[in-house]
Amino acid sequence: MGTRPVREAKAPMSATTDSASVIINGETRRIAAGCTLAEMIEGLGLDPAKVAVEHNRAIVPRSTLGTVRVADGDQFEIVHFVGGG
């Protein structure tokens, strides 16, 4: 089994430009250390109001996305909802 490429998320970088390595939907990415889940999701080009997030195997209530901080080694599964018909 090979390793997945590291990709940069567009989540805002902190003033110290520290980054964290996280896994999002099975893919390793580097993001701003200490950013909130909402900031990370917005940096991925998604609307935090239209996603469901699993953080280290626990569902995160949407109301807490702006307060939960991302740490190095965290794992996420993010599903976004789209309309259509």
PDB file of N, CA and C in Angstrom:
ATOM      1  N   MET A   1       0.845  -1.169   0.000  1.00  0.00           N
ATOM      2  CA  MET A   1       0.000   0.000   0.000  1.00  0.00           C
ATOM      3  C   MET A   1       0.891   1.233   0.000  1.00  0.00           C
ATOM      4  N   GLY A   2       0.725   2.160  -0.951  1.00  0.00           N
ATOM      5  CA  GLY A   2       1.553   3.353  -1.064  1.00  0.00           C
ATOM      6  C   GLY A   2       1.079   4.472  -0.161  1.00  0.00           C
ATOM      7  N   THR A   3       1.919   5.458  -0.048  1.00  0.00           N
ATOM      8  CA  THR A   3       1.532   6.626   0.733  1.00  0.00           C
ATOM      9  C   THR A   3       0.808   7.610  -0.160  1.00  0.00           C
ATOM     10  N   ARG A   4      -0.046   8.399   0.449  1.00  0.00           N
ATOM     11  CA  ARG A   4      -0.779   9.404  -0.308  1.00  0.00           C
ATOM     12  C   ARG A   4       0.016  10.699  -0.331  1.00  0.00           C
ATOM     13  N   PRO A   5      -0.101  11.469  -1.405  1.00  0.00           N
ATOM     14  CA  PRO A   5       0.646  12.723  -1.484  1.00  0.00           C
ATOM     15  C   PRO A   5       0.139  13.728  -0.460  1.00  0.00           C
ATOM     16  N   VAL A   6       1.041  14.560   0.004  1.00  0.00           N
ATOM     17  CA  VAL A   6       0.670  15.626   0.922  1.00  0.00           C
ATOM     18  C   VAL A   6       0.210  16.809   0.089  1.00  0.00           C
ATOM     19  N   ARG A   7      -0.953  17.344   0.414  1.00  0.00           N
ATOM     20  CA  ARG A   7      -1.475  18.504  -0.293  1.00  0.00           C
ATOM     21  C   ARG A   7      -1.692  19.624   0.688  1.00  0.00           C
ATOM     22  N   GLU A   8      -1.522  20.819   0.214  1.00  0.00           N
ATOM     23  CA  GLU A   8      -1.734  21.998   1.044  1.00  0.00           C
ATOM     24  C   GLU A   8      -3.206  22.372   0.985  1.00  0.00           C
ATOM     25  N   ALA A   9      -3.845  22.509   2.133  1.00  0.00           N
ATOM     26  CA  ALA A   9      -5.192  23.055   2.187  1.00  0.00           C
ATOM     27  C   ALA A   9      -5.057  24.564   2.197  1.00  0.00           C
ATOM     28  N   LYS A  10      -6.074  25.262   1.794  1.00  0.00           N
ATOM     29  CA  LYS A  10      -6.026  26.704   1.752  1.00  0.00           C
ATOM     30  C   LYS A  10      -6.456  27.327   3.070  1.00  0.00           C
ATOM     31  N   ALA A  11      -6.550  26.531   4.124  1.00  0.00           N
ATOM     32  CA  ALA A  11      -6.925  27.083   5.424  1.00  0.00           C
ATOM     33  C   ALA A  11      -5.912  28.143   5.807  1.00  0.00           C
ATOM     34  N   PRO A  12      -6.362  29.197   6.464  1.00  0.00           N
ATOM     35  CA  PRO A  12      -5.456  30.304   6.777  1.00  0.00           C
ATOM     36  C   PRO A  12      -4.276  29.855   7.616  1.00  0.00           C
ATOM     37  N   MET A  13      -3.121  30.407   7.315  1.00  0.00           N
ATOM     38  CA  MET A  13      -1.931  30.103   8.097  1.00  0.00           C
ATOM     39  C   MET A  13      -1.876  31.041   9.291  1.00  0.00           C
ATOM     40  N   SER A  14      -1.377  30.539  10.393  1.00  0.00           N
ATOM     41  CA  SER A  14      -1.265  31.359  11.587  1.00  0.00           C
ATOM     42  C   SER A  14      -0.132  32.362  11.422  1.00  0.00           C
ATOM     43  N   ALA A  15      -0.064  33.323  12.348  1.00  0.00           N
ATOM     44  CA  ALA A  15       0.964  34.352  12.278  1.00  0.00           C
ATOM     45  C   ALA A  15       2.366  33.745  12.312  1.00  0.00           C
ATOM     46  N   THR A  16       2.515  32.604  12.983  1.00  0.00           N
ATOM     47  CA  THR A  16       3.822  31.962  13.071  1.00  0.00           C
ATOM     48  C   THR A  16       4.036  30.975  11.929  1.00  0.00           C
ATOM     49  N   THR A  17       3.067  30.826  11.067  1.00  0.00           N
ATOM     50  CA  THR A  17       3.081  29.924   9.921  1.00  0.00           C
ATOM     51  C   THR A  17       3.386  28.474  10.305  1.00  0.00           C
ATOM     52  N   ASP A  18       3.058  28.094  11.530  1.00  0.00           N
ATOM     53  CA  ASP A  18       3.170  26.695  11.912  1.00  0.00           C
ATOM     54  C   ASP A  18       2.093  25.915  11.166  1.00  0.00           C
ATOM     55  N   SER A  19       2.418  24.679  10.818  1.00  0.00           N
ATOM     56  CA  SER A  19       1.420  23.865  10.143  1.00  0.00           C
ATOM     57  C   SER A  19       1.282  22.533  10.854  1.00  0.00           C
ATOM     58  N   ALA A  20       0.152  21.901  10.585  1.00  0.00           N
ATOM     59  CA  ALA A  20      -0.142  20.597  11.158  1.00  0.00           C
ATOM     60  C   ALA A  20      -0.421  19.633  10.010  1.00  0.00           C
ATOM     61  N   SER A  21      -0.064  18.388  10.203  1.00  0.00           N
ATOM     62  CA  SER A  21      -0.360  17.348   9.231  1.00  0.00           C
ATOM     63  C   SER A  21      -1.620  16.630   9.692  1.00  0.00           C
ATOM     64  N   VAL A  22      -2.639  16.618   8.843  1.00  0.00           N
ATOM     65  CA  VAL A  22      -3.895  15.963   9.170  1.00  0.00           C
ATOM     66  C   VAL A  22      -4.293  15.061   8.010  1.00  0.00           C
ATOM     67  N   ILE A  23      -5.248  14.196   8.258  1.00  0.00           N
ATOM     68  CA  ILE A  23      -5.782  13.333   7.206  1.00  0.00           C
ATOM     69  C   ILE A  23      -7.233  13.721   7.005  1.00  0.00           C
ATOM     70  N   ILE A  24      -7.556  14.109   5.769  1.00  0.00           N
ATOM     71  CA  ILE A  24      -8.916  14.500   5.418  1.00  0.00           C
ATOM     72  C   ILE A  24      -9.405  13.556   4.336  1.00  0.00           C
ATOM     73  N   ASN A  25     -10.445  12.801   4.658  1.00  0.00           N
ATOM     74  CA  ASN A  25     -11.012  11.826   3.719  1.00  0.00           C
ATOM     75  C   ASN A  25      -9.933  10.911   3.136  1.00  0.00           C
ATOM     76  N   GLY A  26      -9.026  10.455   4.016  1.00  0.00           N
ATOM     77  CA  GLY A  26      -7.994   9.508   3.618  1.00  0.00           C
ATOM     78  C   GLY A  26      -6.772  10.118   2.967  1.00  0.00           C
ATOM     79  N   GLU A  27      -6.720  11.449   2.843  1.00  0.00           N
ATOM     80  CA  GLU A  27      -5.616  12.119   2.164  1.00  0.00           C
ATOM     81  C   GLU A  27      -4.859  13.016   3.151  1.00  0.00           C
ATOM     82  N   THR A  28      -3.540  12.883   3.206  1.00  0.00           N
ATOM     83  CA  THR A  28      -2.725  13.707   4.094  1.00  0.00           C
ATOM     84  C   THR A  28      -2.626  15.117   3.544  1.00  0.00           C
ATOM     85  N   ARG A  29      -2.842  16.087   4.430  1.00  0.00           N
ATOM     86  CA  ARG A  29      -2.762  17.503   4.050  1.00  0.00           C
ATOM     87  C   ARG A  29      -2.062  18.287   5.140  1.00  0.00           C
ATOM     88  N   ARG A  30      -1.490  19.439   4.775  1.00  0.00           N
ATOM     89  CA  ARG A  30      -0.890  20.361   5.737  1.00  0.00           C
ATOM     90  C   ARG A  30      -1.813  21.556   5.853  1.00  0.00           C
ATOM     91  N   ILE A  31      -2.123  21.923   7.086  1.00  0.00           N
ATOM     92  CA  ILE A  31      -2.994  23.069   7.331  1.00  0.00           C
ATOM     93  C   ILE A  31      -2.398  23.916   8.446  1.00  0.00           C
ATOM     94  N   ALA A  32      -2.973  25.076   8.663  1.00  0.00           N
ATOM     95  CA  ALA A  32      -2.497  25.964   9.727  1.00  0.00           C
ATOM     96  C   ALA A  32      -2.719  25.304  11.082  1.00  0.00           C
ATOM     97  N   ALA A  33      -1.668  25.227  11.863  1.00  0.00           N
ATOM     98  CA  ALA A  33      -1.774  24.640  13.199  1.00  0.00           C
ATOM     99  C   ALA A  33      -2.696  25.497  14.051  1.00  0.00           C
ATOM    100  N   GLY A  34      -3.597  24.868  14.762  1.00  0.00           N
ATOM    101  CA  GLY A  34      -4.470  25.569  15.684  1.00  0.00           C
ATOM    102  C   GLY A  34      -5.678  26.228  15.065  1.00  0.00           C
ATOM    103  N   CYS A  35      -5.880  26.082  13.744  1.00  0.00           N
ATOM    104  CA  CYS A  35      -7.076  26.674  13.148  1.00  0.00           C
ATOM    105  C   CYS A  35      -8.303  25.898  13.632  1.00  0.00           C
ATOM    106  N   THR A  36      -9.455  26.513  13.490  1.00  0.00           N
ATOM    107  CA  THR A  36     -10.686  25.831  13.886  1.00  0.00           C
ATOM    108  C   THR A  36     -11.159  24.932  12.744  1.00  0.00           C
ATOM    109  N   LEU A  37     -12.067  24.030  13.047  1.00  0.00           N
ATOM    110  CA  LEU A  37     -12.633  23.188  11.992  1.00  0.00           C
ATOM    111  C   LEU A  37     -13.332  24.042  10.946  1.00  0.00           C
ATOM    112  N   ALA A  38     -14.039  25.094  11.370  1.00  0.00           N
ATOM    113  CA  ALA A  38     -14.721  25.973  10.414  1.00  0.00           C
ATOM    114  C   ALA A  38     -13.716  26.614   9.465  1.00  0.00           C
ATOM    115  N   GLU A  39     -12.580  27.094   9.987  1.00  0.00           N
ATOM    116  CA  GLU A  39     -11.546  27.698   9.147  1.00  0.00           C
ATOM    117  C   GLU A  39     -10.970  26.677   8.173  1.00  0.00           C
ATOM    118  N   MET A  40     -10.727  25.464   8.650  1.00  0.00           N
ATOM    119  CA  MET A  40     -10.190  24.421   7.792  1.00  0.00           C
ATOM    120  C   MET A  40     -11.176  24.100   6.667  1.00  0.00           C
ATOM    121  N   ILE A  41     -12.441  23.961   7.013  1.00  0.00           N
ATOM    122  CA  ILE A  41     -13.477  23.628   6.028  1.00  0.00           C
ATOM    123  C   ILE A  41     -13.603  24.730   4.989  1.00  0.00           C
ATOM    124  N   GLU A  42     -13.602  25.991   5.426  1.00  0.00           N
ATOM    125  CA  GLU A  42     -13.655  27.114   4.490  1.00  0.00           C
ATOM    126  C   GLU A  42     -12.425  27.128   3.592  1.00  0.00           C
ATOM    127  N   GLY A  43     -11.261  26.787   4.157  1.00  0.00           N
ATOM    128  CA  GLY A  43     -10.031  26.719   3.374  1.00  0.00           C
ATOM    129  C   GLY A  43     -10.070  25.633   2.312  1.00  0.00           C
ATOM    130  N   LEU A  44     -10.915  24.643   2.509  1.00  0.00           N
ATOM    131  CA  LEU A  44     -11.097  23.582   1.520  1.00  0.00           C
ATOM    132  C   LEU A  44     -12.117  23.972   0.460  1.00  0.00           C
ATOM    133  N   GLY A  45     -12.680  25.189   0.607  1.00  0.00           N
ATOM    134  CA  GLY A  45     -13.669  25.661  -0.359  1.00  0.00           C
ATOM    135  C   GLY A  45     -15.072  25.164  -0.090  1.00  0.00           C
ATOM    136  N   LEU A  46     -15.331  24.722   1.132  1.00  0.00           N
ATOM    137  CA  LEU A  46     -16.649  24.207   1.498  1.00  0.00           C
ATOM    138  C   LEU A  46     -17.342  25.165   2.461  1.00  0.00           C
ATOM    139  N   ASP A  47     -18.657  25.095   2.490  1.00  0.00           N
ATOM    140  CA  ASP A  47     -19.460  25.908   3.401  1.00  0.00           C
ATOM    141  C   ASP A  47     -19.672  25.096   4.686  1.00  0.00           C
ATOM    142  N   PRO A  48     -19.191  25.587   5.837  1.00  0.00           N
ATOM    143  CA  PRO A  48     -19.360  24.840   7.093  1.00  0.00           C
ATOM    144  C   PRO A  48     -20.818  24.520   7.426  1.00  0.00           C
ATOM    145  N   ALA A  49     -21.753  25.307   6.898  1.00  0.00           N
ATOM    146  CA  ALA A  49     -23.179  25.056   7.158  1.00  0.00           C
ATOM    147  C   ALA A  49     -23.712  23.878   6.346  1.00  0.00           C
ATOM    148  N   LYS A  50     -22.928  23.405   5.380  1.00  0.00           N
ATOM    149  CA  LYS A  50     -23.400  22.341   4.488  1.00  0.00           C
ATOM    150  C   LYS A  50     -22.529  21.101   4.534  1.00  0.00           C
ATOM    151  N   VAL A  51     -21.903  20.833   5.683  1.00  0.00           N
ATOM    152  CA  VAL A  51     -21.059  19.644   5.806  1.00  0.00           C
ATOM    153  C   VAL A  51     -21.395  18.870   7.074  1.00  0.00           C
ATOM    154  N   ALA A  52     -21.032  17.604   7.043  1.00  0.00           N
ATOM    155  CA  ALA A  52     -21.030  16.761   8.241  1.00  0.00           C
ATOM    156  C   ALA A  52     -19.578  16.361   8.447  1.00  0.00           C
ATOM    157  N   VAL A  53     -19.108  16.454   9.700  1.00  0.00           N
ATOM    158  CA  VAL A  53     -17.691  16.207   9.983  1.00  0.00           C
ATOM    159  C   VAL A  53     -17.539  15.148  11.059  1.00  0.00           C
ATOM    160  N   GLU A  54     -16.663  14.188  10.773  1.00  0.00           N
ATOM    161  CA  GLU A  54     -16.233  13.209  11.767  1.00  0.00           C
ATOM    162  C   GLU A  54     -14.789  13.552  12.096  1.00  0.00           C
ATOM    163  N   HIS A  55     -14.502  13.759  13.370  1.00  0.00           N
ATOM    164  CA  HIS A  55     -13.169  14.159  13.845  1.00  0.00           C
ATOM    165  C   HIS A  55     -12.661  13.061  14.766  1.00  0.00           C
ATOM    166  N   ASN A  56     -11.621  12.377  14.347  1.00  0.00           N
ATOM    167  CA  ASN A  56     -11.058  11.263  15.125  1.00  0.00           C
ATOM    168  C   ASN A  56     -12.151  10.273  15.541  1.00  0.00           C
ATOM    169  N   ARG A  57     -12.993   9.939  14.567  1.00  0.00           N
ATOM    170  CA  ARG A  57     -14.056   8.936  14.697  1.00  0.00           C
ATOM    171  C   ARG A  57     -15.253   9.359  15.544  1.00  0.00           C
ATOM    172  N   ALA A  58     -15.384  10.656  15.810  1.00  0.00           N
ATOM    173  CA  ALA A  58     -16.546  11.170  16.545  1.00  0.00           C
ATOM    174  C   ALA A  58     -17.213  12.255  15.701  1.00  0.00           C
ATOM    175  N   ILE A  59     -18.545  12.212  15.615  1.00  0.00           N
ATOM    176  CA  ILE A  59     -19.286  13.223  14.872  1.00  0.00           C
ATOM    177  C   ILE A  59     -19.179  14.556  15.607  1.00  0.00           C
ATOM    178  N   VAL A  60     -18.906  15.619  14.870  1.00  0.00           N
ATOM    179  CA  VAL A  60     -18.778  16.954  15.454  1.00  0.00           C
ATOM    180  C   VAL A  60     -20.079  17.718  15.201  1.00  0.00           C
ATOM    181  N   PRO A  61     -20.741  18.194  16.253  1.00  0.00           N
ATOM    182  CA  PRO A  61     -21.941  19.006  16.038  1.00  0.00           C
ATOM    183  C   PRO A  61     -21.585  20.264  15.242  1.00  0.00           C
ATOM    184  N   ARG A  62     -22.395  20.587  14.255  1.00  0.00           N
ATOM    185  CA  ARG A  62     -22.125  21.749  13.403  1.00  0.00           C
ATOM    186  C   ARG A  62     -21.971  23.022  14.238  1.00  0.00           C
ATOM    187  N   SER A  63     -22.690  23.119  15.332  1.00  0.00           N
ATOM    188  CA  SER A  63     -22.636  24.318  16.172  1.00  0.00           C
ATOM    189  C   SER A  63     -21.272  24.523  16.831  1.00  0.00           C
ATOM    190  N   THR A  64     -20.409  23.500  16.830  1.00  0.00           N
ATOM    191  CA  THR A  64     -19.097  23.622  17.474  1.00  0.00           C
ATOM    192  C   THR A  64     -17.933  23.727  16.485  1.00  0.00           C
ATOM    193  N   LEU A  65     -18.214  23.777  15.188  1.00  0.00           N
ATOM    194  CA  LEU A  65     -17.146  23.818  14.187  1.00  0.00           C
ATOM    195  C   LEU A  65     -16.240  25.033  14.356  1.00  0.00           C
ATOM    196  N   GLY A  66     -16.774  26.132  14.872  1.00  0.00           N
ATOM    197  CA  GLY A  66     -15.988  27.341  15.057  1.00  0.00           C
ATOM    198  C   GLY A  66     -15.168  27.357  16.329  1.00  0.00           C
ATOM    199  N   THR A  67     -15.344  26.352  17.182  1.00  0.00           N
ATOM    200  CA  THR A  67     -14.610  26.329  18.449  1.00  0.00           C
ATOM    201  C   THR A  67     -13.635  25.165  18.575  1.00  0.00           C
ATOM    202  N   VAL A  68     -13.850  24.104  17.813  1.00  0.00           N
ATOM    203  CA  VAL A  68     -12.964  22.937  17.877  1.00  0.00           C
ATOM    204  C   VAL A  68     -11.690  23.243  17.103  1.00  0.00           C
ATOM    205  N   ARG A  69     -10.534  23.081  17.759  1.00  0.00           N
ATOM    206  CA  ARG A  69      -9.232  23.355  17.147  1.00  0.00           C
ATOM    207  C   ARG A  69      -8.654  22.095  16.530  1.00  0.00           C
ATOM    208  N   VAL A  70      -7.952  22.272  15.427  1.00  0.00           N
ATOM    209  CA  VAL A  70      -7.308  21.177  14.709  1.00  0.00           C
ATOM    210  C   VAL A  70      -5.902  20.988  15.268  1.00  0.00           C
ATOM    211  N   ALA A  71      -5.501  19.725  15.453  1.00  0.00           N
ATOM    212  CA  ALA A  71      -4.163  19.420  15.963  1.00  0.00           C
ATOM    213  C   ALA A  71      -3.454  18.460  15.005  1.00  0.00           C
ATOM    214  N   ASP A  72      -2.132  18.475  15.072  1.00  0.00           N
ATOM    215  CA  ASP A  72      -1.319  17.590  14.255  1.00  0.00           C
ATOM    216  C   ASP A  72      -1.746  16.141  14.482  1.00  0.00           C
ATOM    217  N   GLY A  73      -1.924  15.399  13.405  1.00  0.00           N
ATOM    218  CA  GLY A  73      -2.284  13.990  13.490  1.00  0.00           C
ATOM    219  C   GLY A  73      -3.782  13.724  13.503  1.00  0.00           C
ATOM    220  N   ASP A  74      -4.609  14.769  13.544  1.00  0.00           N
ATOM    221  CA  ASP A  74      -6.061  14.562  13.539  1.00  0.00           C
ATOM    222  C   ASP A  74      -6.502  13.918  12.230  1.00  0.00           C
ATOM    223  N   GLN A  75      -7.611  13.181  12.324  1.00  0.00           N
ATOM    224  CA  GLN A  75      -8.186  12.540  11.152  1.00  0.00           C
ATOM    225  C   GLN A  75      -9.626  13.014  10.994  1.00  0.00           C
ATOM    226  N   PHE A  76      -9.999  13.324   9.746  1.00  0.00           N
ATOM    227  CA  PHE A  76     -11.329  13.845   9.456  1.00  0.00           C
ATOM    228  C   PHE A  76     -11.965  13.109   8.287  1.00  0.00           C
ATOM    229  N   GLU A  77     -13.255  12.936   8.377  1.00  0.00           N
ATOM    230  CA  GLU A  77     -14.075  12.536   7.246  1.00  0.00           C
ATOM    231  C   GLU A  77     -15.079  13.668   7.086  1.00  0.00           C
ATOM    232  N   ILE A  78     -15.119  14.259   5.904  1.00  0.00           N
ATOM    233  CA  ILE A  78     -15.999  15.390   5.658  1.00  0.00           C
ATOM    234  C   ILE A  78     -16.901  15.044   4.489  1.00  0.00           C
ATOM    235  N   VAL A  79     -18.198  15.197   4.705  1.00  0.00           N
ATOM    236  CA  VAL A  79     -19.189  14.974   3.655  1.00  0.00           C
ATOM    237  C   VAL A  79     -19.899  16.293   3.452  1.00  0.00           C
ATOM    238  N   HIS A  80     -19.999  16.735   2.201  1.00  0.00           N
ATOM    239  CA  HIS A  80     -20.733  17.981   1.953  1.00  0.00           C
ATOM    240  C   HIS A  80     -21.994  17.677   1.174  1.00  0.00           C
ATOM    241  N   PHE A  81     -22.995  18.475   1.459  1.00  0.00           N
ATOM    242  CA  PHE A  81     -24.305  18.285   0.868  1.00  0.00           C
ATOM    243  C   PHE A  81     -24.454  19.193  -0.340  1.00  0.00           C
ATOM    244  N   VAL A  82     -25.007  18.642  -1.404  1.00  0.00           N
ATOM    245  CA  VAL A  82     -25.269  19.422  -2.610  1.00  0.00           C
ATOM    246  C   VAL A  82     -26.730  19.267  -2.991  1.00  0.00           C
ATOM    247  N   GLY A  83     -27.290  20.311  -3.519  1.00  0.00           N
ATOM    248  CA  GLY A  83     -28.690  20.260  -3.971  1.00  0.00           C
ATOM    249  C   GLY A  83     -28.765  19.816  -5.416  1.00  0.00           C
ATOM    250  N   GLY A  84     -29.912  19.501  -5.811  1.00  0.00           N
ATOM    251  CA  GLY A  84     -30.103  19.090  -7.205  1.00  0.00           C
ATOM    252  C   GLY A  84     -31.457  18.443  -7.376  1.00  0.00           C
ATOM    253  N   GLY A  85     -31.730  18.111  -8.546  1.00  0.00           N
ATOM    254  CA  GLY A  85     -33.041  17.505  -8.705  1.00  0.00           C
ATOM    255  C   GLY A  85     -33.241  16.944 -10.017  1.00  0.00           C
TER     256      GLY A  85
END
